[in-house]
Amino acid sequence: MSNALTVTDASFKEDVLDSEIPVLVDFWAPWCGPCRMVAPVVEEIAEQYAGQVKVVKLNTDENATTASQYGIRSIPTLMIFKGGQRVDMVVGAVPKTTLASTLEKYLKPNT
């Protein structure tokens, strides 16, 4: 079972921008080879950071409005949102360590 939530143009604001915790958005498409390579990494991150980070997937073919709004030109693109703002992004199939260390920067409590 997937730990990542599927979001759409319609649910993006509620699921991502209005989230209380940081959100990792995986912009992907079914035909994209590197997207399939990074999918297990995204799942592991979802499991490892459950409760600290919300992990969601957005199919760019079916949700072009949101993809174009954030200037998605190549997939997979993984974006991190915090407090309704895009704070970081990683483009391409990256190792879990790269993704985890990028995420860690936004998990520290705001003191």
N, C-alpha and C. Protein backbone atom coordinates (compact mmCIF):
# COMPACT_ATOMS: atom_id res chain seq x y z
N MET A 1 0.83 -1.20 0.00
CA MET A 1 0.00 0.00 0.00
C MET A 1 0.87 1.26 0.00
N SER A 2 0.42 2.25 -0.71
CA SER A 2 1.20 3.48 -0.84
C SER A 2 1.01 4.39 0.36
N ASN A 3 2.12 4.99 0.79
CA ASN A 3 2.05 5.98 1.86
C ASN A 3 1.86 7.38 1.28
N ALA A 4 2.06 7.50 -0.02
CA ALA A 4 1.94 8.80 -0.66
C ALA A 4 0.49 9.01 -1.12
N LEU A 5 -0.01 10.20 -0.89
CA LEU A 5 -1.37 10.56 -1.25
C LEU A 5 -1.38 11.10 -2.68
N THR A 6 -2.40 10.76 -3.44
CA THR A 6 -2.52 11.30 -4.78
C THR A 6 -3.28 12.62 -4.71
N VAL A 7 -2.71 13.67 -5.28
CA VAL A 7 -3.40 14.96 -5.31
C VAL A 7 -3.71 15.35 -6.75
N THR A 8 -4.66 16.26 -6.90
CA THR A 8 -5.09 16.74 -8.21
C THR A 8 -5.08 18.26 -8.20
N ASP A 9 -5.35 18.85 -9.37
CA ASP A 9 -5.50 20.30 -9.44
C ASP A 9 -6.51 20.77 -8.39
N ALA A 10 -7.61 20.02 -8.27
CA ALA A 10 -8.70 20.42 -7.38
C ALA A 10 -8.33 20.33 -5.90
N SER A 11 -7.49 19.36 -5.54
CA SER A 11 -7.18 19.16 -4.12
C SER A 11 -5.83 19.75 -3.70
N PHE A 12 -5.09 20.32 -4.65
CA PHE A 12 -3.72 20.77 -4.37
C PHE A 12 -3.66 21.81 -3.25
N LYS A 13 -4.53 22.80 -3.30
CA LYS A 13 -4.50 23.85 -2.28
C LYS A 13 -4.75 23.26 -0.90
N GLU A 14 -5.79 22.45 -0.79
CA GLU A 14 -6.15 21.88 0.51
C GLU A 14 -5.07 20.91 1.01
N ASP A 15 -4.60 20.01 0.13
CA ASP A 15 -3.66 18.97 0.56
C ASP A 15 -2.23 19.46 0.72
N VAL A 16 -1.85 20.46 -0.07
CA VAL A 16 -0.45 20.90 -0.07
C VAL A 16 -0.29 22.27 0.57
N LEU A 17 -0.95 23.27 -0.01
CA LEU A 17 -0.73 24.65 0.44
C LEU A 17 -1.27 24.90 1.84
N ASP A 18 -2.36 24.23 2.21
CA ASP A 18 -2.95 24.44 3.53
C ASP A 18 -2.45 23.46 4.58
N SER A 19 -1.46 22.63 4.24
CA SER A 19 -0.97 21.62 5.17
C SER A 19 -0.25 22.25 6.36
N GLU A 20 -0.46 21.64 7.52
CA GLU A 20 0.20 22.11 8.75
C GLU A 20 1.68 21.72 8.77
N ILE A 21 2.01 20.64 8.07
CA ILE A 21 3.39 20.14 8.07
C ILE A 21 3.98 20.27 6.66
N PRO A 22 5.31 20.24 6.54
CA PRO A 22 5.91 20.33 5.20
C PRO A 22 5.39 19.23 4.29
N VAL A 23 5.32 19.53 3.00
CA VAL A 23 4.80 18.59 2.02
C VAL A 23 5.83 18.37 0.92
N LEU A 24 6.06 17.11 0.60
CA LEU A 24 6.90 16.75 -0.54
C LEU A 24 5.97 16.36 -1.67
N VAL A 25 6.04 17.10 -2.78
CA VAL A 25 5.19 16.81 -3.93
C VAL A 25 6.03 16.17 -5.03
N ASP A 26 5.61 14.99 -5.45
CA ASP A 26 6.27 14.28 -6.55
C ASP A 26 5.45 14.53 -7.81
N PHE A 27 5.99 15.39 -8.70
CA PHE A 27 5.35 15.63 -9.99
C PHE A 27 5.85 14.54 -10.93
N TRP A 28 4.94 13.72 -11.46
CA TRP A 28 5.32 12.54 -12.24
C TRP A 28 4.30 12.28 -13.35
N ALA A 29 4.61 11.31 -14.19
CA ALA A 29 3.67 10.83 -15.21
C ALA A 29 3.92 9.35 -15.43
N PRO A 30 2.88 8.60 -15.80
CA PRO A 30 2.99 7.14 -15.95
C PRO A 30 4.02 6.69 -16.99
N TRP A 31 4.23 7.48 -18.04
CA TRP A 31 5.14 7.10 -19.12
C TRP A 31 6.60 7.42 -18.82
N CYS A 32 6.86 8.07 -17.71
CA CYS A 32 8.21 8.58 -17.40
C CYS A 32 9.05 7.53 -16.67
N GLY A 33 10.10 7.04 -17.34
CA GLY A 33 10.99 6.03 -16.76
C GLY A 33 11.65 6.46 -15.46
N PRO A 34 12.31 7.64 -15.44
CA PRO A 34 12.93 8.10 -14.19
C PRO A 34 11.92 8.28 -13.05
N CYS A 35 10.67 8.60 -13.40
CA CYS A 35 9.63 8.71 -12.36
C CYS A 35 9.42 7.36 -11.68
N ARG A 36 9.43 6.30 -12.49
CA ARG A 36 9.26 4.97 -11.92
C ARG A 36 10.46 4.58 -11.07
N MET A 37 11.65 5.07 -11.47
CA MET A 37 12.85 4.79 -10.68
C MET A 37 12.81 5.49 -9.32
N VAL A 38 12.28 6.70 -9.28
CA VAL A 38 12.29 7.47 -8.03
C VAL A 38 11.09 7.12 -7.14
N ALA A 39 10.06 6.48 -7.70
CA ALA A 39 8.85 6.16 -6.93
C ALA A 39 9.13 5.39 -5.64
N PRO A 40 9.97 4.33 -5.66
CA PRO A 40 10.24 3.60 -4.41
C PRO A 40 10.95 4.48 -3.37
N VAL A 41 11.79 5.40 -3.84
CA VAL A 41 12.49 6.33 -2.94
C VAL A 41 11.47 7.25 -2.26
N VAL A 42 10.53 7.75 -3.06
CA VAL A 42 9.47 8.62 -2.53
C VAL A 42 8.64 7.85 -1.49
N GLU A 43 8.34 6.59 -1.77
CA GLU A 43 7.60 5.75 -0.81
C GLU A 43 8.37 5.57 0.50
N GLU A 44 9.68 5.31 0.38
CA GLU A 44 10.52 5.14 1.58
C GLU A 44 10.54 6.41 2.41
N ILE A 45 10.64 7.54 1.75
CA ILE A 45 10.62 8.83 2.44
C ILE A 45 9.29 9.02 3.16
N ALA A 46 8.19 8.67 2.48
CA ALA A 46 6.85 8.79 3.08
C ALA A 46 6.76 7.96 4.35
N GLU A 47 7.34 6.77 4.30
CA GLU A 47 7.31 5.87 5.46
C GLU A 47 8.20 6.40 6.58
N GLN A 48 9.42 6.76 6.21
CA GLN A 48 10.41 7.19 7.19
C GLN A 48 10.00 8.47 7.91
N TYR A 49 9.36 9.39 7.19
CA TYR A 49 9.02 10.69 7.78
C TYR A 49 7.53 10.83 8.07
N ALA A 50 6.83 9.71 8.17
CA ALA A 50 5.39 9.74 8.46
C ALA A 50 5.13 10.60 9.69
N GLY A 51 4.18 11.51 9.59
CA GLY A 51 3.86 12.39 10.71
C GLY A 51 4.66 13.68 10.69
N GLN A 52 5.81 13.69 10.04
CA GLN A 52 6.64 14.90 9.96
C GLN A 52 6.49 15.58 8.62
N VAL A 53 6.28 14.78 7.59
CA VAL A 53 6.17 15.29 6.23
C VAL A 53 5.00 14.58 5.56
N LYS A 54 4.21 15.36 4.82
CA LYS A 54 3.16 14.75 4.02
C LYS A 54 3.75 14.53 2.63
N VAL A 55 3.63 13.33 2.10
CA VAL A 55 4.16 13.03 0.77
C VAL A 55 2.99 12.81 -0.18
N VAL A 56 2.99 13.57 -1.27
CA VAL A 56 1.90 13.47 -2.24
C VAL A 56 2.47 13.34 -3.65
N LYS A 57 1.66 12.75 -4.55
CA LYS A 57 2.06 12.57 -5.95
C LYS A 57 1.03 13.27 -6.83
N LEU A 58 1.55 14.00 -7.82
CA LEU A 58 0.66 14.68 -8.75
C LEU A 58 1.00 14.24 -10.16
N ASN A 59 0.04 13.61 -10.84
CA ASN A 59 0.22 13.17 -12.22
C ASN A 59 0.12 14.40 -13.13
N THR A 60 1.25 14.77 -13.75
CA THR A 60 1.29 16.00 -14.55
C THR A 60 0.44 15.90 -15.82
N ASP A 61 0.22 14.69 -16.32
CA ASP A 61 -0.63 14.52 -17.50
C ASP A 61 -2.08 14.88 -17.19
N GLU A 62 -2.52 14.49 -16.00
CA GLU A 62 -3.91 14.68 -15.62
C GLU A 62 -4.16 16.01 -14.92
N ASN A 63 -3.10 16.66 -14.47
CA ASN A 63 -3.23 17.89 -13.69
C ASN A 63 -2.28 18.97 -14.21
N ALA A 64 -2.48 19.31 -15.48
CA ALA A 64 -1.57 20.25 -16.16
C ALA A 64 -1.59 21.65 -15.56
N THR A 65 -2.72 22.05 -14.98
CA THR A 65 -2.83 23.40 -14.43
C THR A 65 -1.81 23.62 -13.32
N THR A 66 -1.78 22.70 -12.36
CA THR A 66 -0.84 22.83 -11.25
C THR A 66 0.60 22.69 -11.74
N ALA A 67 0.84 21.74 -12.64
CA ALA A 67 2.19 21.54 -13.17
C ALA A 67 2.70 22.81 -13.86
N SER A 68 1.86 23.44 -14.66
CA SER A 68 2.33 24.65 -15.36
C SER A 68 2.44 25.83 -14.41
N GLN A 69 1.59 25.86 -13.40
CA GLN A 69 1.65 26.93 -12.39
C GLN A 69 3.01 26.95 -11.69
N TYR A 70 3.59 25.77 -11.49
CA TYR A 70 4.88 25.68 -10.81
C TYR A 70 6.04 25.48 -11.80
N GLY A 71 5.76 25.68 -13.08
CA GLY A 71 6.82 25.66 -14.09
C GLY A 71 7.50 24.32 -14.25
N ILE A 72 6.74 23.23 -14.13
CA ILE A 72 7.32 21.90 -14.27
C ILE A 72 7.65 21.66 -15.74
N ARG A 73 8.94 21.54 -16.04
CA ARG A 73 9.35 21.29 -17.42
C ARG A 73 9.91 19.89 -17.60
N SER A 74 10.50 19.38 -16.54
CA SER A 74 11.02 18.01 -16.64
C SER A 74 10.57 17.24 -15.41
N ILE A 75 10.28 15.97 -15.61
CA ILE A 75 9.85 15.14 -14.50
C ILE A 75 10.79 13.94 -14.40
N PRO A 76 10.95 13.35 -13.24
CA PRO A 76 10.28 13.75 -12.01
C PRO A 76 10.85 15.05 -11.44
N THR A 77 9.96 15.88 -10.90
CA THR A 77 10.36 17.04 -10.11
C THR A 77 9.75 16.85 -8.73
N LEU A 78 10.57 16.96 -7.72
CA LEU A 78 10.12 16.82 -6.34
C LEU A 78 10.22 18.20 -5.69
N MET A 79 9.09 18.71 -5.25
CA MET A 79 9.08 20.04 -4.62
C MET A 79 8.70 19.92 -3.16
N ILE A 80 9.31 20.78 -2.37
CA ILE A 80 8.99 20.83 -0.94
C ILE A 80 8.25 22.13 -0.68
N PHE A 81 7.10 21.99 -0.06
CA PHE A 81 6.29 23.15 0.31
C PHE A 81 6.23 23.23 1.83
N LYS A 82 6.32 24.44 2.36
CA LYS A 82 6.19 24.64 3.79
C LYS A 82 5.42 25.94 3.99
N GLY A 83 4.37 25.86 4.79
CA GLY A 83 3.56 27.05 5.03
C GLY A 83 2.96 27.63 3.77
N GLY A 84 2.62 26.75 2.81
CA GLY A 84 1.97 27.20 1.60
C GLY A 84 2.92 27.75 0.54
N GLN A 85 4.22 27.74 0.82
CA GLN A 85 5.21 28.26 -0.12
C GLN A 85 6.13 27.15 -0.61
N ARG A 86 6.55 27.26 -1.86
CA ARG A 86 7.55 26.33 -2.36
C ARG A 86 8.89 26.77 -1.78
N VAL A 87 9.55 25.87 -1.05
CA VAL A 87 10.81 26.24 -0.41
C VAL A 87 12.02 25.58 -1.05
N ASP A 88 11.80 24.49 -1.78
CA ASP A 88 12.94 23.80 -2.40
C ASP A 88 12.43 22.86 -3.47
N MET A 89 13.35 22.42 -4.33
CA MET A 89 12.97 21.42 -5.32
C MET A 89 14.17 20.63 -5.78
N VAL A 90 13.91 19.39 -6.17
CA VAL A 90 14.93 18.50 -6.70
C VAL A 90 14.38 17.97 -8.02
N VAL A 91 15.18 18.08 -9.08
CA VAL A 91 14.73 17.61 -10.39
C VAL A 91 15.49 16.35 -10.75
N GLY A 92 14.76 15.35 -11.24
CA GLY A 92 15.39 14.11 -11.68
C GLY A 92 15.31 13.03 -10.63
N ALA A 93 15.69 11.83 -11.04
CA ALA A 93 15.70 10.69 -10.14
C ALA A 93 16.95 10.78 -9.27
N VAL A 94 16.76 11.09 -8.01
CA VAL A 94 17.89 11.28 -7.11
C VAL A 94 17.93 10.16 -6.08
N PRO A 95 19.11 9.90 -5.50
CA PRO A 95 19.17 8.89 -4.45
C PRO A 95 18.42 9.36 -3.20
N LYS A 96 18.01 8.39 -2.39
CA LYS A 96 17.25 8.69 -1.18
C LYS A 96 18.02 9.64 -0.27
N THR A 97 19.34 9.48 -0.18
CA THR A 97 20.13 10.33 0.71
C THR A 97 20.01 11.80 0.30
N THR A 98 20.01 12.07 -0.99
CA THR A 98 19.89 13.45 -1.48
C THR A 98 18.54 14.03 -1.10
N LEU A 99 17.50 13.25 -1.32
CA LEU A 99 16.15 13.71 -1.02
C LEU A 99 15.97 13.90 0.48
N ALA A 100 16.46 12.96 1.27
CA ALA A 100 16.33 13.04 2.72
C ALA A 100 17.06 14.27 3.26
N SER A 101 18.28 14.52 2.78
CA SER A 101 19.03 15.66 3.31
C SER A 101 18.38 16.99 2.90
N THR A 102 17.76 17.02 1.73
CA THR A 102 17.04 18.23 1.31
C THR A 102 15.84 18.46 2.22
N LEU A 103 15.12 17.38 2.53
CA LEU A 103 13.95 17.47 3.41
C LEU A 103 14.31 17.88 4.83
N GLU A 104 15.41 17.31 5.33
CA GLU A 104 15.81 17.54 6.72
C GLU A 104 15.92 19.03 7.05
N LYS A 105 16.31 19.82 6.06
CA LYS A 105 16.48 21.27 6.29
C LYS A 105 15.18 21.93 6.73
N TYR A 106 14.05 21.33 6.36
CA TYR A 106 12.76 21.97 6.64
C TYR A 106 12.01 21.31 7.81
N LEU A 107 12.64 20.31 8.42
CA LEU A 107 11.96 19.58 9.50
C LEU A 107 12.33 20.11 10.87
N LYS A 108 13.39 20.90 10.92
CA LYS A 108 13.80 21.40 12.23
C LYS A 108 12.72 22.35 12.73
N PRO A 109 12.42 22.23 14.02
CA PRO A 109 11.36 23.10 14.56
C PRO A 109 11.75 24.57 14.44
N ASN A 110 10.78 25.39 14.16
CA ASN A 110 11.06 26.83 14.04
C ASN A 110 11.20 27.42 15.44
N THR A 111 12.43 27.71 15.78
CA THR A 111 12.67 28.23 17.15
C THR A 111 12.96 29.71 17.09
